[in-house]
Amino acid sequence: MTPRAQVEAFLREQPGLFAAVPDDDGSGIQLFETGSGKSLRVRWGELSEAVRRRTSLRPGPYLVLVFQDGRQIALADVGFAFAPSIASTGPLPDLPQTFCFTDFRHLSQGIESILAEEGREGEALAALLLAIALLDGAKVVGFEVGREERALEALLRKLEERGVRV
């Protein structure tokens, strides 16, 4: 089955996870993650393969899109899933192999909660670094993350106001 056929079949079999709008000329598709509103344009000619996988950690199957330039993005029950990037943070302990935009929401809310308590700045900084790695990974695979970066900058300012040097 071609990568295009794999994507189209996955979208039919997993309704409600993504909204899809085909390009007028048939050269690709715009995918919208229903949970976050994030979108990704996929040009059929840029896909080298689409591989269906399962894991014991998730209830449903997921589809890994492998692009000719080496990028990989999974379509999963959590939405778009992608690898983090440590380009800005350096190596991080306990860094997950994949992230999704729901993870960003949880991390940013967690940082807010941690910052509400005195003496937990180190934990807030660790979570902030994970969030940076998440957003850097999202950018690498082609997502626009300006809104999320502004939210992180606000959290970083709060951390700096407490005297934490980043």
C-alpha atoms as a PDB file:
ATOM      1  CA  MET A   1       0.000   0.000   0.000  1.00  0.00           C
ATOM      2  CA  THR A   2       1.345   3.467  -0.859  1.00  0.00           C
ATOM      3  CA  PRO A   3       2.062   5.992   1.927  1.00  0.00           C
ATOM      4  CA  ARG A   4      -0.916   8.023   0.734  1.00  0.00           C
ATOM      5  CA  ALA A   5      -3.226   5.003   0.891  1.00  0.00           C
ATOM      6  CA  GLN A   6      -1.903   4.167   4.370  1.00  0.00           C
ATOM      7  CA  VAL A   7      -2.622   7.712   5.617  1.00  0.00           C
ATOM      8  CA  GLU A   8      -6.081   7.792   4.081  1.00  0.00           C
ATOM      9  CA  ALA A   9      -6.953   4.355   5.507  1.00  0.00           C
ATOM     10  CA  PHE A  10      -5.698   5.323   8.978  1.00  0.00           C
ATOM     11  CA  LEU A  11      -7.770   8.506   8.962  1.00  0.00           C
ATOM     12  CA  ARG A  12     -10.889   6.559   7.962  1.00  0.00           C
ATOM     13  CA  GLU A  13     -10.273   3.918  10.656  1.00  0.00           C
ATOM     14  CA  GLN A  14      -9.540   6.459  13.407  1.00  0.00           C
ATOM     15  CA  PRO A  15     -12.282   9.064  12.976  1.00  0.00           C
ATOM     16  CA  GLY A  16     -12.267  12.135  15.163  1.00  0.00           C
ATOM     17  CA  LEU A  17      -8.531  12.260  15.866  1.00  0.00           C
ATOM     18  CA  PHE A  18      -7.670  14.432  12.888  1.00  0.00           C
ATOM     19  CA  ALA A  19      -9.545  16.544  10.390  1.00  0.00           C
ATOM     20  CA  ALA A  20      -8.154  16.341   6.878  1.00  0.00           C
ATOM     21  CA  VAL A  21      -8.428  18.807   4.018  1.00  0.00           C
ATOM     22  CA  PRO A  22      -7.002  17.603   0.690  1.00  0.00           C
ATOM     23  CA  ASP A  23      -5.080  20.025  -1.493  1.00  0.00           C
ATOM     24  CA  ASP A  24      -7.049  21.239  -4.503  1.00  0.00           C
ATOM     25  CA  ASP A  25      -4.532  19.703  -6.878  1.00  0.00           C
ATOM     26  CA  GLY A  26      -4.378  16.341  -5.043  1.00  0.00           C
ATOM     27  CA  SER A  27      -0.690  16.758  -4.180  1.00  0.00           C
ATOM     28  CA  GLY A  28      -1.173  16.491  -0.444  1.00  0.00           C
ATOM     29  CA  ILE A  29      -3.328  16.998   2.588  1.00  0.00           C
ATOM     30  CA  GLN A  30      -3.591  19.408   5.509  1.00  0.00           C
ATOM     31  CA  LEU A  31      -4.057  17.517   8.776  1.00  0.00           C
ATOM     32  CA  PHE A  32      -5.596  19.216  11.804  1.00  0.00           C
ATOM     33  CA  GLU A  33      -5.245  17.720  15.256  1.00  0.00           C
ATOM     34  CA  THR A  34      -8.683  18.092  16.792  1.00  0.00           C
ATOM     35  CA  GLY A  35      -7.430  18.375  20.380  1.00  0.00           C
ATOM     36  CA  SER A  36      -4.977  21.242  19.895  1.00  0.00           C
ATOM     37  CA  GLY A  37      -5.882  22.714  16.529  1.00  0.00           C
ATOM     38  CA  LYS A  38      -2.297  22.190  15.366  1.00  0.00           C
ATOM     39  CA  SER A  39      -1.928  21.476  11.685  1.00  0.00           C
ATOM     40  CA  LEU A  40       0.568  19.800   9.429  1.00  0.00           C
ATOM     41  CA  ARG A  41       0.723  19.902   5.668  1.00  0.00           C
ATOM     42  CA  VAL A  42       1.745  16.618   4.114  1.00  0.00           C
ATOM     43  CA  ARG A  43       2.749  16.484   0.476  1.00  0.00           C
ATOM     44  CA  TRP A  44       2.394  12.959  -0.850  1.00  0.00           C
ATOM     45  CA  GLY A  45       5.624  13.222  -2.845  1.00  0.00           C
ATOM     46  CA  GLU A  46       7.600  14.032   0.329  1.00  0.00           C
ATOM     47  CA  LEU A  47       6.537  10.860   2.166  1.00  0.00           C
ATOM     48  CA  SER A  48       8.869   7.915   1.823  1.00  0.00           C
ATOM     49  CA  GLU A  49       6.706   5.614   3.933  1.00  0.00           C
ATOM     50  CA  ALA A  50       3.791   5.391   6.338  1.00  0.00           C
ATOM     51  CA  VAL A  51       4.058   2.534   8.817  1.00  0.00           C
ATOM     52  CA  ARG A  52       1.254   1.340  11.088  1.00  0.00           C
ATOM     53  CA  ARG A  53       2.439   0.314  14.545  1.00  0.00           C
ATOM     54  CA  ARG A  54       1.096  -0.765  17.919  1.00  0.00           C
ATOM     55  CA  THR A  55       2.507  -0.595  21.400  1.00  0.00           C
ATOM     56  CA  SER A  56       1.379  -2.068  24.684  1.00  0.00           C
ATOM     57  CA  LEU A  57       1.429   1.462  26.136  1.00  0.00           C
ATOM     58  CA  ARG A  58      -1.386   2.810  23.913  1.00  0.00           C
ATOM     59  CA  PRO A  59      -4.816   1.337  23.240  1.00  0.00           C
ATOM     60  CA  GLY A  60      -4.962   2.054  19.528  1.00  0.00           C
ATOM     61  CA  PRO A  61      -2.626   1.790  16.566  1.00  0.00           C
ATOM     62  CA  TYR A  62      -0.580   4.728  15.372  1.00  0.00           C
ATOM     63  CA  LEU A  63       0.846   5.643  12.001  1.00  0.00           C
ATOM     64  CA  VAL A  64       4.451   6.806  11.605  1.00  0.00           C
ATOM     65  CA  LEU A  65       4.967   9.166   8.683  1.00  0.00           C
ATOM     66  CA  VAL A  66       8.542   9.057   7.419  1.00  0.00           C
ATOM     67  CA  PHE A  67       9.487  11.944   5.160  1.00  0.00           C
ATOM     68  CA  GLN A  68      12.228  11.837   2.548  1.00  0.00           C
ATOM     69  CA  ASP A  69      14.203  14.470   4.503  1.00  0.00           C
ATOM     70  CA  GLY A  70      14.295  12.178   7.568  1.00  0.00           C
ATOM     71  CA  ARG A  71      11.540  13.809   9.636  1.00  0.00           C
ATOM     72  CA  GLN A  72       9.184  11.449  11.427  1.00  0.00           C
ATOM     73  CA  ILE A  73       5.780  12.238  12.880  1.00  0.00           C
ATOM     74  CA  ALA A  74       3.256   9.807  14.292  1.00  0.00           C
ATOM     75  CA  LEU A  75      -0.497  10.120  13.976  1.00  0.00           C
ATOM     76  CA  ALA A  76      -1.770   8.658  17.237  1.00  0.00           C
ATOM     77  CA  ASP A  77      -4.664   8.670  19.676  1.00  0.00           C
ATOM     78  CA  VAL A  78      -2.880  11.548  21.466  1.00  0.00           C
ATOM     79  CA  GLY A  79      -2.660  13.545  18.221  1.00  0.00           C
ATOM     80  CA  PHE A  80       0.617  14.343  16.523  1.00  0.00           C
ATOM     81  CA  ALA A  81       3.576  12.675  18.253  1.00  0.00           C
ATOM     82  CA  PHE A  82       7.203  13.565  17.576  1.00  0.00           C
ATOM     83  CA  ALA A  83      10.688  13.278  19.037  1.00  0.00           C
ATOM     84  CA  PRO A  84      12.025  16.017  21.293  1.00  0.00           C
ATOM     85  CA  SER A  85      15.128  17.990  20.333  1.00  0.00           C
ATOM     86  CA  ILE A  86      17.891  18.713  22.826  1.00  0.00           C
ATOM     87  CA  ALA A  87      19.586  21.267  20.568  1.00  0.00           C
ATOM     88  CA  SER A  88      18.797  24.134  22.978  1.00  0.00           C
ATOM     89  CA  THR A  89      18.819  22.248  26.273  1.00  0.00           C
ATOM     90  CA  GLY A  90      21.574  19.675  26.052  1.00  0.00           C
ATOM     91  CA  PRO A  91      20.948  16.147  27.347  1.00  0.00           C
ATOM     92  CA  LEU A  92      18.088  15.863  29.844  1.00  0.00           C
ATOM     93  CA  PRO A  93      17.515  13.051  32.328  1.00  0.00           C
ATOM     94  CA  ASP A  94      14.322  11.047  31.859  1.00  0.00           C
ATOM     95  CA  LEU A  95      13.539  12.681  28.504  1.00  0.00           C
ATOM     96  CA  PRO A  96      10.714  10.753  26.790  1.00  0.00           C
ATOM     97  CA  GLN A  97      11.317   9.470  23.272  1.00  0.00           C
ATOM     98  CA  THR A  98       8.185  11.198  22.002  1.00  0.00           C
ATOM     99  CA  PHE A  99       6.009  14.143  22.909  1.00  0.00           C
ATOM    100  CA  CYS A 100       2.647  15.489  21.833  1.00  0.00           C
ATOM    101  CA  PHE A 101       0.947  18.861  22.256  1.00  0.00           C
ATOM    102  CA  THR A 102      -1.088  17.530  25.194  1.00  0.00           C
ATOM    103  CA  ASP A 103       2.240  16.970  26.947  1.00  0.00           C
ATOM    104  CA  PHE A 104       3.033  20.644  26.461  1.00  0.00           C
ATOM    105  CA  ARG A 105      -0.245  21.643  28.078  1.00  0.00           C
ATOM    106  CA  HIS A 106       0.466  19.355  31.042  1.00  0.00           C
ATOM    107  CA  LEU A 107       4.026  20.613  31.408  1.00  0.00           C
ATOM    108  CA  SER A 108       3.076  24.286  31.285  1.00  0.00           C
ATOM    109  CA  GLN A 109       0.231  23.775  33.789  1.00  0.00           C
ATOM    110  CA  GLY A 110       2.612  21.822  36.006  1.00  0.00           C
ATOM    111  CA  ILE A 111       5.184  24.610  35.895  1.00  0.00           C
ATOM    112  CA  GLU A 112       2.463  27.109  36.887  1.00  0.00           C
ATOM    113  CA  SER A 113       1.493  24.924  39.839  1.00  0.00           C
ATOM    114  CA  ILE A 114       5.077  24.414  40.936  1.00  0.00           C
ATOM    115  CA  LEU A 115       5.773  28.147  40.748  1.00  0.00           C
ATOM    116  CA  ALA A 116       2.845  28.744  43.111  1.00  0.00           C
ATOM    117  CA  GLU A 117       4.969  27.162  45.849  1.00  0.00           C
ATOM    118  CA  GLU A 118       8.188  28.519  47.303  1.00  0.00           C
ATOM    119  CA  GLY A 119      11.345  26.444  47.118  1.00  0.00           C
ATOM    120  CA  ARG A 120      10.435  24.378  44.055  1.00  0.00           C
ATOM    121  CA  GLU A 121      12.268  26.460  41.464  1.00  0.00           C
ATOM    122  CA  GLY A 122      14.577  23.564  40.542  1.00  0.00           C
ATOM    123  CA  GLU A 123      11.592  21.391  39.653  1.00  0.00           C
ATOM    124  CA  ALA A 124      10.074  24.228  37.635  1.00  0.00           C
ATOM    125  CA  LEU A 125      13.336  24.670  35.741  1.00  0.00           C
ATOM    126  CA  ALA A 126      13.541  20.930  34.966  1.00  0.00           C
ATOM    127  CA  ALA A 127       9.976  20.952  33.619  1.00  0.00           C
ATOM    128  CA  LEU A 128      10.707  24.111  31.626  1.00  0.00           C
ATOM    129  CA  LEU A 129      13.672  22.412  29.952  1.00  0.00           C
ATOM    130  CA  LEU A 130      11.466  19.455  28.995  1.00  0.00           C
ATOM    131  CA  ALA A 131       8.950  21.882  27.495  1.00  0.00           C
ATOM    132  CA  ILE A 132      11.723  23.586  25.505  1.00  0.00           C
ATOM    133  CA  ALA A 133      12.880  20.199  24.153  1.00  0.00           C
ATOM    134  CA  LEU A 134       9.266  19.434  23.222  1.00  0.00           C
ATOM    135  CA  LEU A 135       8.806  22.703  21.319  1.00  0.00           C
ATOM    136  CA  ASP A 136      12.194  22.398  19.627  1.00  0.00           C
ATOM    137  CA  GLY A 137      11.191  18.913  18.452  1.00  0.00           C
ATOM    138  CA  ALA A 138       7.880  20.253  17.167  1.00  0.00           C
ATOM    139  CA  LYS A 139       9.692  22.954  15.176  1.00  0.00           C
ATOM    140  CA  VAL A 140      12.118  20.426  13.682  1.00  0.00           C
ATOM    141  CA  VAL A 141       9.236  18.430  12.191  1.00  0.00           C
ATOM    142  CA  GLY A 142       7.472  21.521  10.868  1.00  0.00           C
ATOM    143  CA  PHE A 143       4.974  22.792  13.424  1.00  0.00           C
ATOM    144  CA  GLU A 144       4.407  26.464  14.197  1.00  0.00           C
ATOM    145  CA  VAL A 145       4.800  26.935  17.960  1.00  0.00           C
ATOM    146  CA  GLY A 146       4.870  30.703  18.471  1.00  0.00           C
ATOM    147  CA  ARG A 147       1.924  30.695  20.883  1.00  0.00           C
ATOM    148  CA  GLU A 148       3.526  27.986  23.014  1.00  0.00           C
ATOM    149  CA  GLU A 149       6.896  29.754  22.985  1.00  0.00           C
ATOM    150  CA  ARG A 150       5.258  32.934  24.295  1.00  0.00           C
ATOM    151  CA  ALA A 151       3.638  30.929  27.105  1.00  0.00           C
ATOM    152  CA  LEU A 152       7.022  29.438  28.019  1.00  0.00           C
ATOM    153  CA  GLU A 153       8.668  32.854  27.955  1.00  0.00           C
ATOM    154  CA  ALA A 154       6.118  34.085  30.497  1.00  0.00           C
ATOM    155  CA  LEU A 155       6.878  31.116  32.750  1.00  0.00           C
ATOM    156  CA  LEU A 156      10.594  31.695  32.318  1.00  0.00           C
ATOM    157  CA  ARG A 157      10.177  35.338  33.386  1.00  0.00           C
ATOM    158  CA  LYS A 158       8.376  34.178  36.538  1.00  0.00           C
ATOM    159  CA  LEU A 159      11.232  31.814  37.267  1.00  0.00           C
ATOM    160  CA  GLU A 160      13.818  34.533  36.689  1.00  0.00           C
ATOM    161  CA  GLU A 161      11.901  36.877  39.007  1.00  0.00           C
ATOM    162  CA  ARG A 162      12.569  34.323  41.722  1.00  0.00           C
ATOM    163  CA  GLY A 163      16.280  34.669  41.132  1.00  0.00           C
ATOM    164  CA  VAL A 164      16.822  31.460  39.155  1.00  0.00           C
ATOM    165  CA  ARG A 165      19.488  31.896  36.514  1.00  0.00           C
ATOM    166  CA  VAL A 166      18.790  30.058  33.303  1.00  0.00           C
END
